[in-house]
C-alpha atoms as a PDB file:
ATOM      1  CA  MET A   1      43.210 -44.234  18.955  1.00  0.00           C
ATOM      2  CA  ASN A   2      41.933 -44.687  15.401  1.00  0.00           C
ATOM      3  CA  LYS A   3      43.644 -42.882  12.571  1.00  0.00           C
ATOM      4  CA  VAL A   4      41.462 -41.088  10.015  1.00  0.00           C
ATOM      5  CA  ILE A   5      42.611 -39.386   6.835  1.00  0.00           C
ATOM      6  CA  LEU A   6      40.320 -36.708   5.374  1.00  0.00           C
ATOM      7  CA  CYS A   7      40.585 -35.315   1.848  1.00  0.00           C
ATOM      8  CA  PHE A   8      38.089 -33.458  -0.317  1.00  0.00           C
ATOM      9  CA  VAL A   9      37.964 -32.380  -3.937  1.00  0.00           C
ATOM     10  CA  CYS A  10      35.301 -30.101  -5.455  1.00  0.00           C
ATOM     11  CA  ILE A  11      34.796 -30.042  -9.207  1.00  0.00           C
ATOM     12  CA  LEU A  12      32.710 -27.099 -10.396  1.00  0.00           C
ATOM     13  CA  SER A  13      30.361 -27.816 -13.298  1.00  0.00           C
ATOM     14  CA  ILE A  14      29.482 -25.223 -15.918  1.00  0.00           C
ATOM     15  CA  PRO A  15      27.675 -23.154 -17.082  1.00  0.00           C
ATOM     16  CA  ILE A  16      25.626 -22.128 -14.067  1.00  0.00           C
ATOM     17  CA  VAL A  17      26.438 -22.427 -10.328  1.00  0.00           C
ATOM     18  CA  ALA A  18      27.009 -20.123  -7.375  1.00  0.00           C
ATOM     19  CA  GLN A  19      29.406 -21.652  -4.869  1.00  0.00           C
ATOM     20  CA  GLU A  20      28.665 -19.202  -2.068  1.00  0.00           C
ATOM     21  CA  ASN A  21      25.072 -20.488  -1.891  1.00  0.00           C
ATOM     22  CA  PHE A  22      25.811 -24.210  -1.944  1.00  0.00           C
ATOM     23  CA  ARG A  23      28.039 -26.552   0.025  1.00  0.00           C
ATOM     24  CA  VAL A  24      28.593 -30.219   0.777  1.00  0.00           C
ATOM     25  CA  TYR A  25      30.158 -31.164   4.108  1.00  0.00           C
ATOM     26  CA  TYR A  26      30.394 -33.897   6.734  1.00  0.00           C
ATOM     27  CA  GLU A  27      29.498 -34.328  10.381  1.00  0.00           C
ATOM     28  CA  GLU A  28      31.094 -36.959  12.598  1.00  0.00           C
ATOM     29  CA  VAL A  29      28.688 -39.390  14.274  1.00  0.00           C
ATOM     30  CA  GLU A  30      29.142 -42.347  16.642  1.00  0.00           C
ATOM     31  CA  ASN A  31      30.292 -44.871  14.062  1.00  0.00           C
ATOM     32  CA  GLY A  32      31.357 -42.776  11.094  1.00  0.00           C
ATOM     33  CA  TYR A  33      30.111 -39.711   9.227  1.00  0.00           C
ATOM     34  CA  LYS A  34      27.050 -38.115   7.733  1.00  0.00           C
ATOM     35  CA  ILE A  35      27.443 -36.309   4.414  1.00  0.00           C
ATOM     36  CA  LEU A  36      25.166 -33.266   4.257  1.00  0.00           C
ATOM     37  CA  SER A  37      24.388 -30.342   1.978  1.00  0.00           C
ATOM     38  CA  ASP A  38      23.093 -26.785   2.307  1.00  0.00           C
ATOM     39  CA  ASN A  39      21.446 -25.440  -0.843  1.00  0.00           C
ATOM     40  CA  GLY A  40      20.685 -21.731  -0.695  1.00  0.00           C
ATOM     41  CA  GLU A  41      19.859 -21.552  -4.397  1.00  0.00           C
ATOM     42  CA  PHE A  42      16.353 -20.822  -5.705  1.00  0.00           C
ATOM     43  CA  SER A  43      16.233 -24.021  -7.737  1.00  0.00           C
ATOM     44  CA  PRO A  44      17.225 -27.607  -6.963  1.00  0.00           C
ATOM     45  CA  VAL A  45      20.900 -28.439  -7.373  1.00  0.00           C
ATOM     46  CA  SER A  46      22.183 -31.798  -8.551  1.00  0.00           C
ATOM     47  CA  ILE A  47      25.483 -33.198  -7.355  1.00  0.00           C
ATOM     48  CA  GLU A  48      27.523 -36.114  -8.571  1.00  0.00           C
ATOM     49  CA  ILE A  49      29.504 -37.336  -5.594  1.00  0.00           C
ATOM     50  CA  ASP A  50      32.421 -39.734  -5.983  1.00  0.00           C
ATOM     51  CA  PHE A  51      33.672 -41.194  -2.707  1.00  0.00           C
ATOM     52  CA  LYS A  52      37.307 -42.164  -2.141  1.00  0.00           C
ATOM     53  CA  ILE A  53      37.068 -44.240   1.026  1.00  0.00           C
ATOM     54  CA  ASP A  54      38.933 -46.971   2.852  1.00  0.00           C
ATOM     55  CA  ASN A  55      37.465 -49.002   5.713  1.00  0.00           C
ATOM     56  CA  LEU A  56      34.167 -47.115   5.383  1.00  0.00           C
ATOM     57  CA  GLN A  57      30.828 -48.378   4.046  1.00  0.00           C
ATOM     58  CA  SER A  58      28.730 -45.879   2.068  1.00  0.00           C
ATOM     59  CA  SER A  59      24.926 -46.067   2.217  1.00  0.00           C
ATOM     60  CA  ILE A  60      24.681 -44.952  -1.445  1.00  0.00           C
ATOM     61  CA  GLY A  61      27.656 -46.705  -3.018  1.00  0.00           C
ATOM     62  CA  THR A  62      30.798 -44.966  -4.168  1.00  0.00           C
ATOM     63  CA  LYS A  63      29.376 -42.766  -6.951  1.00  0.00           C
ATOM     64  CA  LYS A  64      25.895 -41.305  -7.353  1.00  0.00           C
ATOM     65  CA  ILE A  65      23.909 -38.326  -8.688  1.00  0.00           C
ATOM     66  CA  ILE A  66      21.559 -36.757  -6.134  1.00  0.00           C
ATOM     67  CA  GLU A  67      19.107 -33.847  -6.363  1.00  0.00           C
ATOM     68  CA  ILE A  68      19.277 -31.361  -3.458  1.00  0.00           C
ATOM     69  CA  PRO A  69      16.034 -29.354  -2.985  1.00  0.00           C
ATOM     70  CA  SER A  70      16.147 -25.560  -3.172  1.00  0.00           C
ATOM     71  CA  ASN A  71      16.489 -23.551   0.047  1.00  0.00           C
ATOM     72  CA  SER A  72      17.385 -26.626   2.106  1.00  0.00           C
ATOM     73  CA  THR A  73      19.797 -27.048   5.009  1.00  0.00           C
ATOM     74  CA  LYS A  74      21.461 -30.192   6.345  1.00  0.00           C
ATOM     75  CA  TYR A  75      20.007 -32.257   3.507  1.00  0.00           C
ATOM     76  CA  HIS A  76      21.103 -35.834   4.122  1.00  0.00           C
ATOM     77  CA  ILE A  77      23.166 -37.289   1.274  1.00  0.00           C
ATOM     78  CA  ALA A  78      24.799 -40.389   2.721  1.00  0.00           C
ATOM     79  CA  ASP A  79      25.998 -42.272   5.801  1.00  0.00           C
ATOM     80  CA  LEU A  80      29.565 -43.546   5.950  1.00  0.00           C
ATOM     81  CA  THR A  81      30.028 -46.269   8.553  1.00  0.00           C
ATOM     82  CA  VAL A  82      33.391 -47.492   9.859  1.00  0.00           C
ATOM     83  CA  ILE A  83      33.853 -51.170   8.993  1.00  0.00           C
ATOM     84  CA  ASP A  84      36.688 -52.092  11.382  1.00  0.00           C
ATOM     85  CA  ARG A  85      37.405 -49.753  14.295  1.00  0.00           C
ATOM     86  CA  LYS A  86      40.815 -51.340  14.810  1.00  0.00           C
ATOM     87  CA  LYS A  87      42.060 -50.131  11.419  1.00  0.00           C
ATOM     88  CA  ALA A  88      42.715 -46.685   9.950  1.00  0.00           C
ATOM     89  CA  TYR A  89      40.062 -45.325   7.623  1.00  0.00           C
ATOM     90  CA  LYS A  90      40.042 -42.676   4.917  1.00  0.00           C
ATOM     91  CA  LEU A  91      37.266 -40.309   3.873  1.00  0.00           C
ATOM     92  CA  GLY A  92      37.489 -38.300   0.683  1.00  0.00           C
ATOM     93  CA  PHE A  93      35.120 -37.305  -2.068  1.00  0.00           C
ATOM     94  CA  GLY A  94      34.997 -35.369  -5.295  1.00  0.00           C
ATOM     95  CA  ILE A  95      31.861 -33.539  -6.340  1.00  0.00           C
ATOM     96  CA  ARG A  96      30.530 -31.662  -9.308  1.00  0.00           C
ATOM     97  CA  TYR A  97      27.255 -29.812  -9.145  1.00  0.00           C
ATOM     98  CA  ASN A  98      24.952 -27.477 -10.988  1.00  0.00           C
ATOM     99  CA  HIS A  99      21.410 -26.126 -10.952  1.00  0.00           C
ATOM    100  CA  GLY A 100      18.446 -28.354 -11.787  1.00  0.00           C
ATOM    101  CA  ASN A 101      17.617 -32.036 -11.634  1.00  0.00           C
ATOM    102  CA  HIS A 102      20.137 -33.648 -13.949  1.00  0.00           C
ATOM    103  CA  LEU A 103      18.231 -36.938 -13.943  1.00  0.00           C
ATOM    104  CA  GLN A 104      14.953 -35.340 -15.049  1.00  0.00           C
ATOM    105  CA  VAL A 105      13.469 -36.734 -18.258  1.00  0.00           C
ATOM    106  CA  THR A 106       9.816 -35.641 -18.333  1.00  0.00           C
ATOM    107  CA  TYR A 107       8.520 -32.068 -18.488  1.00  0.00           C
ATOM    108  CA  ASP A 108       5.439 -30.250 -19.794  1.00  0.00           C
ATOM    109  CA  LYS A 109       5.973 -30.610 -23.539  1.00  0.00           C
ATOM    110  CA  ASP A 110       2.559 -29.092 -24.300  1.00  0.00           C
ATOM    111  CA  TYR A 111       3.058 -25.846 -22.409  1.00  0.00           C
ATOM    112  CA  LYS A 112       2.121 -22.775 -24.475  1.00  0.00           C
ATOM    113  CA  TYR A 113       4.582 -19.937 -23.896  1.00  0.00           C
ATOM    114  CA  HIS A 114       3.854 -16.231 -24.229  1.00  0.00           C
ATOM    115  CA  LEU A 115       5.946 -14.294 -26.719  1.00  0.00           C
ATOM    116  CA  PRO A 116       8.595 -12.508 -24.606  1.00  0.00           C
ATOM    117  CA  PHE A 117       7.638  -8.958 -25.516  1.00  0.00           C
ATOM    118  CA  LYS A 118       4.936  -6.367 -24.929  1.00  0.00           C
ATOM    119  CA  LYS A 119       1.312  -6.689 -26.061  1.00  0.00           C
ATOM    120  CA  GLY A 120       0.790  -4.875 -29.350  1.00  0.00           C
ATOM    121  CA  LYS A 121       4.372  -5.411 -30.542  1.00  0.00           C
ATOM    122  CA  ALA A 122       5.727  -7.650 -33.316  1.00  0.00           C
ATOM    123  CA  PHE A 123       9.282  -8.887 -33.869  1.00  0.00           C
ATOM    124  CA  THR A 124      11.080 -11.088 -36.381  1.00  0.00           C
ATOM    125  CA  VAL A 125      12.867 -14.336 -35.511  1.00  0.00           C
ATOM    126  CA  THR A 126      16.229 -13.754 -37.168  1.00  0.00           C
ATOM    127  CA  GLN A 127      17.644 -17.163 -36.191  1.00  0.00           C
ATOM    128  CA  GLY A 128      15.570 -20.182 -35.274  1.00  0.00           C
ATOM    129  CA  TYR A 129      16.082 -23.737 -34.163  1.00  0.00           C
ATOM    130  CA  ASN A 130      19.308 -25.304 -35.456  1.00  0.00           C
ATOM    131  CA  GLY A 131      20.284 -21.976 -37.030  1.00  0.00           C
ATOM    132  CA  THR A 132      23.400 -21.693 -39.177  1.00  0.00           C
ATOM    133  CA  ILE A 133      25.099 -18.865 -37.249  1.00  0.00           C
ATOM    134  CA  SER A 134      25.220 -19.919 -33.589  1.00  0.00           C
ATOM    135  CA  HIS A 135      22.295 -22.305 -32.992  1.00  0.00           C
ATOM    136  CA  HIS A 136      23.937 -25.477 -34.262  1.00  0.00           C
ATOM    137  CA  ASN A 137      22.048 -28.484 -32.854  1.00  0.00           C
ATOM    138  CA  GLU A 138      20.229 -26.188 -30.451  1.00  0.00           C
ATOM    139  CA  TYR A 139      16.600 -25.236 -29.902  1.00  0.00           C
ATOM    140  CA  ALA A 140      17.184 -21.495 -29.551  1.00  0.00           C
ATOM    141  CA  LEU A 141      15.462 -18.361 -30.853  1.00  0.00           C
ATOM    142  CA  ASP A 142      16.786 -14.889 -31.663  1.00  0.00           C
ATOM    143  CA  PHE A 143      14.292 -12.018 -31.804  1.00  0.00           C
ATOM    144  CA  ARG A 144      15.578  -8.879 -33.544  1.00  0.00           C
ATOM    145  CA  MET A 145      14.940  -6.027 -31.083  1.00  0.00           C
ATOM    146  CA  PRO A 146      16.253  -2.488 -30.688  1.00  0.00           C
ATOM    147  CA  VAL A 147      18.322  -1.952 -27.562  1.00  0.00           C
ATOM    148  CA  GLY A 148      16.033  -1.091 -24.667  1.00  0.00           C
ATOM    149  CA  THR A 149      13.000  -3.076 -25.835  1.00  0.00           C
ATOM    150  CA  GLU A 150      10.895  -4.284 -22.900  1.00  0.00           C
ATOM    151  CA  ILE A 151      11.196  -8.047 -22.233  1.00  0.00           C
ATOM    152  CA  TYR A 152       8.304  -9.946 -20.686  1.00  0.00           C
ATOM    153  CA  ALA A 153       8.296 -13.353 -18.985  1.00  0.00           C
ATOM    154  CA  ALA A 154       7.202 -16.167 -21.269  1.00  0.00           C
ATOM    155  CA  ARG A 155       6.174 -18.323 -18.304  1.00  0.00           C
ATOM    156  CA  ASP A 156       5.745 -18.338 -14.511  1.00  0.00           C
ATOM    157  CA  GLY A 157       8.799 -19.185 -12.433  1.00  0.00           C
ATOM    158  CA  VAL A 158      11.423 -18.035  -9.961  1.00  0.00           C
ATOM    159  CA  VAL A 159      14.512 -16.006 -10.855  1.00  0.00           C
ATOM    160  CA  VAL A 160      17.650 -18.074 -10.243  1.00  0.00           C
ATOM    161  CA  LEU A 161      20.446 -15.900 -11.634  1.00  0.00           C
ATOM    162  CA  VAL A 162      20.842 -12.421 -13.083  1.00  0.00           C
ATOM    163  CA  GLU A 163      23.924 -11.063 -14.862  1.00  0.00           C
ATOM    164  CA  GLU A 164      23.633  -7.429 -15.955  1.00  0.00           C
ATOM    165  CA  ASN A 165      27.074  -5.924 -15.367  1.00  0.00           C
ATOM    166  CA  PHE A 166      28.661  -6.277 -18.794  1.00  0.00           C
ATOM    167  CA  ASP A 167      28.599  -3.809 -21.690  1.00  0.00           C
ATOM    168  CA  LYS A 168      31.174  -5.413 -24.036  1.00  0.00           C
ATOM    169  CA  THR A 169      29.993  -6.675 -27.451  1.00  0.00           C
ATOM    170  CA  CYS A 170      31.831  -8.641 -30.136  1.00  0.00           C
ATOM    171  CA  THR A 171      31.170 -11.369 -32.709  1.00  0.00           C
ATOM    172  CA  ASP A 172      33.792 -13.840 -31.436  1.00  0.00           C
ATOM    173  CA  THR A 173      32.572 -16.909 -29.526  1.00  0.00           C
ATOM    174  CA  ASP A 174      34.915 -15.977 -26.663  1.00  0.00           C
ATOM    175  CA  CYS A 175      32.615 -13.042 -25.964  1.00  0.00           C
ATOM    176  CA  ALA A 176      29.934 -15.410 -24.651  1.00  0.00           C
ATOM    177  CA  LYS A 177      31.541 -14.889 -21.238  1.00  0.00           C
ATOM    178  CA  TYR A 178      30.278 -11.291 -21.386  1.00  0.00           C
ATOM    179  CA  ASN A 179      26.645 -12.238 -21.965  1.00  0.00           C
ATOM    180  CA  ASN A 180      24.108 -10.540 -19.710  1.00  0.00           C
ATOM    181  CA  TYR A 181      21.064 -12.679 -18.915  1.00  0.00           C
ATOM    182  CA  ILE A 182      18.095 -13.477 -16.706  1.00  0.00           C
ATOM    183  CA  LEU A 183      17.664 -17.147 -15.757  1.00  0.00           C
ATOM    184  CA  ILE A 184      14.235 -18.371 -14.595  1.00  0.00           C
ATOM    185  CA  TYR A 185      13.308 -21.788 -13.180  1.00  0.00           C
ATOM    186  CA  HIS A 186       9.858 -23.125 -14.165  1.00  0.00           C
ATOM    187  CA  PRO A 187       7.475 -25.321 -12.121  1.00  0.00           C
ATOM    188  CA  ASP A 188       8.075 -28.340 -14.404  1.00  0.00           C
ATOM    189  CA  GLY A 189      11.843 -28.330 -13.791  1.00  0.00           C
ATOM    190  CA  THR A 190      12.858 -26.531 -16.978  1.00  0.00           C
ATOM    191  CA  PHE A 191      14.758 -23.249 -17.188  1.00  0.00           C
ATOM    192  CA  ALA A 192      14.439 -20.273 -19.533  1.00  0.00           C
ATOM    193  CA  GLU A 193      17.285 -17.890 -20.252  1.00  0.00           C
ATOM    194  CA  TYR A 194      16.782 -14.406 -21.679  1.00  0.00           C
ATOM    195  CA  THR A 195      20.195 -13.375 -23.019  1.00  0.00           C
ATOM    196  CA  HIS A 196      21.985 -10.209 -24.261  1.00  0.00           C
ATOM    197  CA  ILE A 197      20.021  -7.856 -22.005  1.00  0.00           C
ATOM    198  CA  LYS A 198      21.541  -4.395 -21.780  1.00  0.00           C
ATOM    199  CA  LYS A 199      23.844  -3.346 -18.931  1.00  0.00           C
ATOM    200  CA  ASN A 200      21.770  -2.850 -15.762  1.00  0.00           C
ATOM    201  CA  GLY A 201      18.819  -4.028 -17.824  1.00  0.00           C
ATOM    202  CA  SER A 202      17.154  -6.398 -15.353  1.00  0.00           C
ATOM    203  CA  LYS A 203      14.048  -5.425 -13.391  1.00  0.00           C
ATOM    204  CA  VAL A 204      14.171  -8.615 -11.288  1.00  0.00           C
ATOM    205  CA  GLU A 205      16.511 -10.249  -8.776  1.00  0.00           C
ATOM    206  CA  PRO A 206      17.286 -13.842  -7.758  1.00  0.00           C
ATOM    207  CA  GLY A 207      14.464 -15.197  -5.623  1.00  0.00           C
ATOM    208  CA  ASP A 208      11.739 -13.098  -7.255  1.00  0.00           C
ATOM    209  CA  GLN A 209       8.584 -15.036  -8.111  1.00  0.00           C
ATOM    210  CA  ILE A 210       7.676 -14.234 -11.709  1.00  0.00           C
ATOM    211  CA  LYS A 211       4.267 -14.332 -13.378  1.00  0.00           C
ATOM    212  CA  ILE A 212       3.761 -14.960 -17.070  1.00  0.00           C
ATOM    213  CA  GLY A 213       3.617 -11.659 -18.936  1.00  0.00           C
ATOM    214  CA  GLN A 214       5.555  -9.774 -16.245  1.00  0.00           C
ATOM    215  CA  HIS A 215       8.033  -7.092 -17.351  1.00  0.00           C
ATOM    216  CA  ILE A 216      11.452  -8.483 -16.378  1.00  0.00           C
ATOM    217  CA  GLY A 217      14.033  -6.422 -18.238  1.00  0.00           C
ATOM    218  CA  TYR A 218      15.300  -4.651 -21.350  1.00  0.00           C
ATOM    219  CA  SER A 219      16.959  -6.129 -24.426  1.00  0.00           C
ATOM    220  CA  GLY A 220      20.462  -5.192 -25.472  1.00  0.00           C
ATOM    221  CA  ASN A 221      23.432  -6.053 -27.640  1.00  0.00           C
ATOM    222  CA  VAL A 222      25.901  -7.397 -25.075  1.00  0.00           C
ATOM    223  CA  GLY A 223      28.272 -10.371 -25.190  1.00  0.00           C
ATOM    224  CA  TRP A 224      28.543 -12.684 -28.190  1.00  0.00           C
ATOM    225  CA  SER A 225      26.221 -10.822 -30.525  1.00  0.00           C
ATOM    226  CA  THR A 226      26.103  -9.673 -34.136  1.00  0.00           C
ATOM    227  CA  GLY A 227      23.440  -7.055 -33.476  1.00  0.00           C
ATOM    228  CA  PRO A 228      20.695  -6.012 -31.052  1.00  0.00           C
ATOM    229  CA  HIS A 229      18.463  -8.979 -30.238  1.00  0.00           C
ATOM    230  CA  LEU A 230      16.988 -11.209 -27.525  1.00  0.00           C
ATOM    231  CA  HIS A 231      18.287 -14.781 -27.374  1.00  0.00           C
ATOM    232  CA  PHE A 232      15.739 -17.129 -25.767  1.00  0.00           C
ATOM    233  CA  ILE A 233      16.091 -20.796 -24.819  1.00  0.00           C
ATOM    234  CA  VAL A 234      14.250 -23.322 -22.665  1.00  0.00           C
ATOM    235  CA  PHE A 235      16.346 -26.198 -21.348  1.00  0.00           C
ATOM    236  CA  LEU A 236      16.973 -28.980 -18.879  1.00  0.00           C
ATOM    237  CA  GLN A 237      20.353 -28.679 -17.174  1.00  0.00           C
ATOM    238  CA  ARG A 238      22.945 -31.436 -17.464  1.00  0.00           C
ATOM    239  CA  PHE A 239      26.384 -31.429 -15.846  1.00  0.00           C
ATOM    240  CA  ASN A 240      28.348 -30.673 -19.004  1.00  0.00           C
ATOM    241  CA  LYS A 241      25.710 -29.039 -21.199  1.00  0.00           C
ATOM    242  CA  ARG A 242      22.161 -27.778 -21.533  1.00  0.00           C
ATOM    243  CA  GLU A 243      19.561 -29.965 -23.194  1.00  0.00           C
ATOM    244  CA  THR A 244      17.607 -27.304 -25.086  1.00  0.00           C
ATOM    245  CA  LEU A 245      13.929 -28.002 -25.729  1.00  0.00           C
ATOM    246  CA  PRO A 246      11.485 -27.075 -28.514  1.00  0.00           C
ATOM    247  CA  THR A 247       8.640 -24.822 -27.436  1.00  0.00           C
ATOM    248  CA  GLN A 248       5.281 -23.599 -28.670  1.00  0.00           C
ATOM    249  CA  PHE A 249       4.241 -19.944 -28.424  1.00  0.00           C
ATOM    250  CA  LEU A 250       0.860 -18.268 -28.459  1.00  0.00           C
ATOM    251  CA  VAL A 251       0.843 -15.902 -31.448  1.00  0.00           C
ATOM    252  CA  GLY A 252      -1.514 -13.256 -32.810  1.00  0.00           C
ATOM    253  CA  ASN A 253      -4.580 -12.976 -30.597  1.00  0.00           C
ATOM    254  CA  GLY A 254      -3.415 -15.869 -28.413  1.00  0.00           C
ATOM    255  CA  ARG A 255      -5.850 -18.477 -29.708  1.00  0.00           C
ATOM    256  CA  GLU A 256      -3.217 -20.385 -31.662  1.00  0.00           C
ATOM    257  CA  ALA A 257       0.062 -21.922 -30.506  1.00  0.00           C
ATOM    258  CA  THR A 258       2.870 -22.735 -32.903  1.00  0.00           C
ATOM    259  CA  GLN A 259       6.582 -23.447 -33.109  1.00  0.00           C
ATOM    260  CA  LEU A 260       8.283 -20.263 -34.298  1.00  0.00           C
ATOM    261  CA  GLU A 261      10.138 -20.265 -37.605  1.00  0.00           C
ATOM    262  CA  GLU A 262      13.200 -18.375 -38.758  1.00  0.00           C
ATOM    263  CA  LYS A 263      12.678 -15.160 -40.813  1.00  0.00           C
ATOM    264  CA  GLN A 264       9.046 -14.894 -39.730  1.00  0.00           C
ATOM    265  CA  GLU A 265       7.520 -11.974 -37.837  1.00  0.00           C
ATOM    266  CA  TYR A 266       5.220 -12.685 -34.893  1.00  0.00           C
ATOM    267  CA  ALA A 267       2.829 -10.309 -33.158  1.00  0.00           C
ATOM    268  CA  ARG A 268       1.542 -10.487 -29.606  1.00  0.00           C
ATOM    269  CA  MET A 269      -1.985  -9.066 -29.373  1.00  0.00           C
ATOM    270  CA  TYR A 270      -3.012 -10.777 -26.112  1.00  0.00           C
END
């Protein structure tokens, strides 16, 4: 009888993942194992899998990044084939994973976003790209808004995550863990996050299909915040960080698109 040693290690990547909706596992086959994944998330999930094997041949090598499609079951990751049946073999792997395609490079750089507030309203960008307070080396925007201001979707997409349970506010960076937010996945593989929404301030849930201009929630002053505002970013997800992206917004009557600037007020009349 052959001896097999099984060991598994899971490394959870930050900042966004929901373990209960995603898993990687194995099934025994005639001459080894199949490595499979179930992804119950509403966006693709990327994994980096690092095999620790003896007397097994992997169909994808020992370390690789793979994108798992959203809402998929038994997605085939790799085959592990026993090399010598007369010898013991060992199967182990470590994984880290997170939302999005971590190998993605291209996206729609020319997309024209809607301003994330109601038609007929105007708000000031209090901190823009590479801002001095908290936007260091980051393409992020802060819109000064009274608590309870209606937030509207800047682009079509699907809701991936919602956090709306916190009500704590402070100016220390440690308070970022108390941020409330709505996370939306776009058709081109980018994400948008609408942050600092008020407690119970979301009108949407994970899995909801969102249309541009749809009312999705209410602004607040929750988490790491120096005052009531909406923090907005568009990004591609990487394992250890977010690659934030510059965006253009339709302003005024909607005939012109521009990159928003700090200390400027912008109206949405479309």
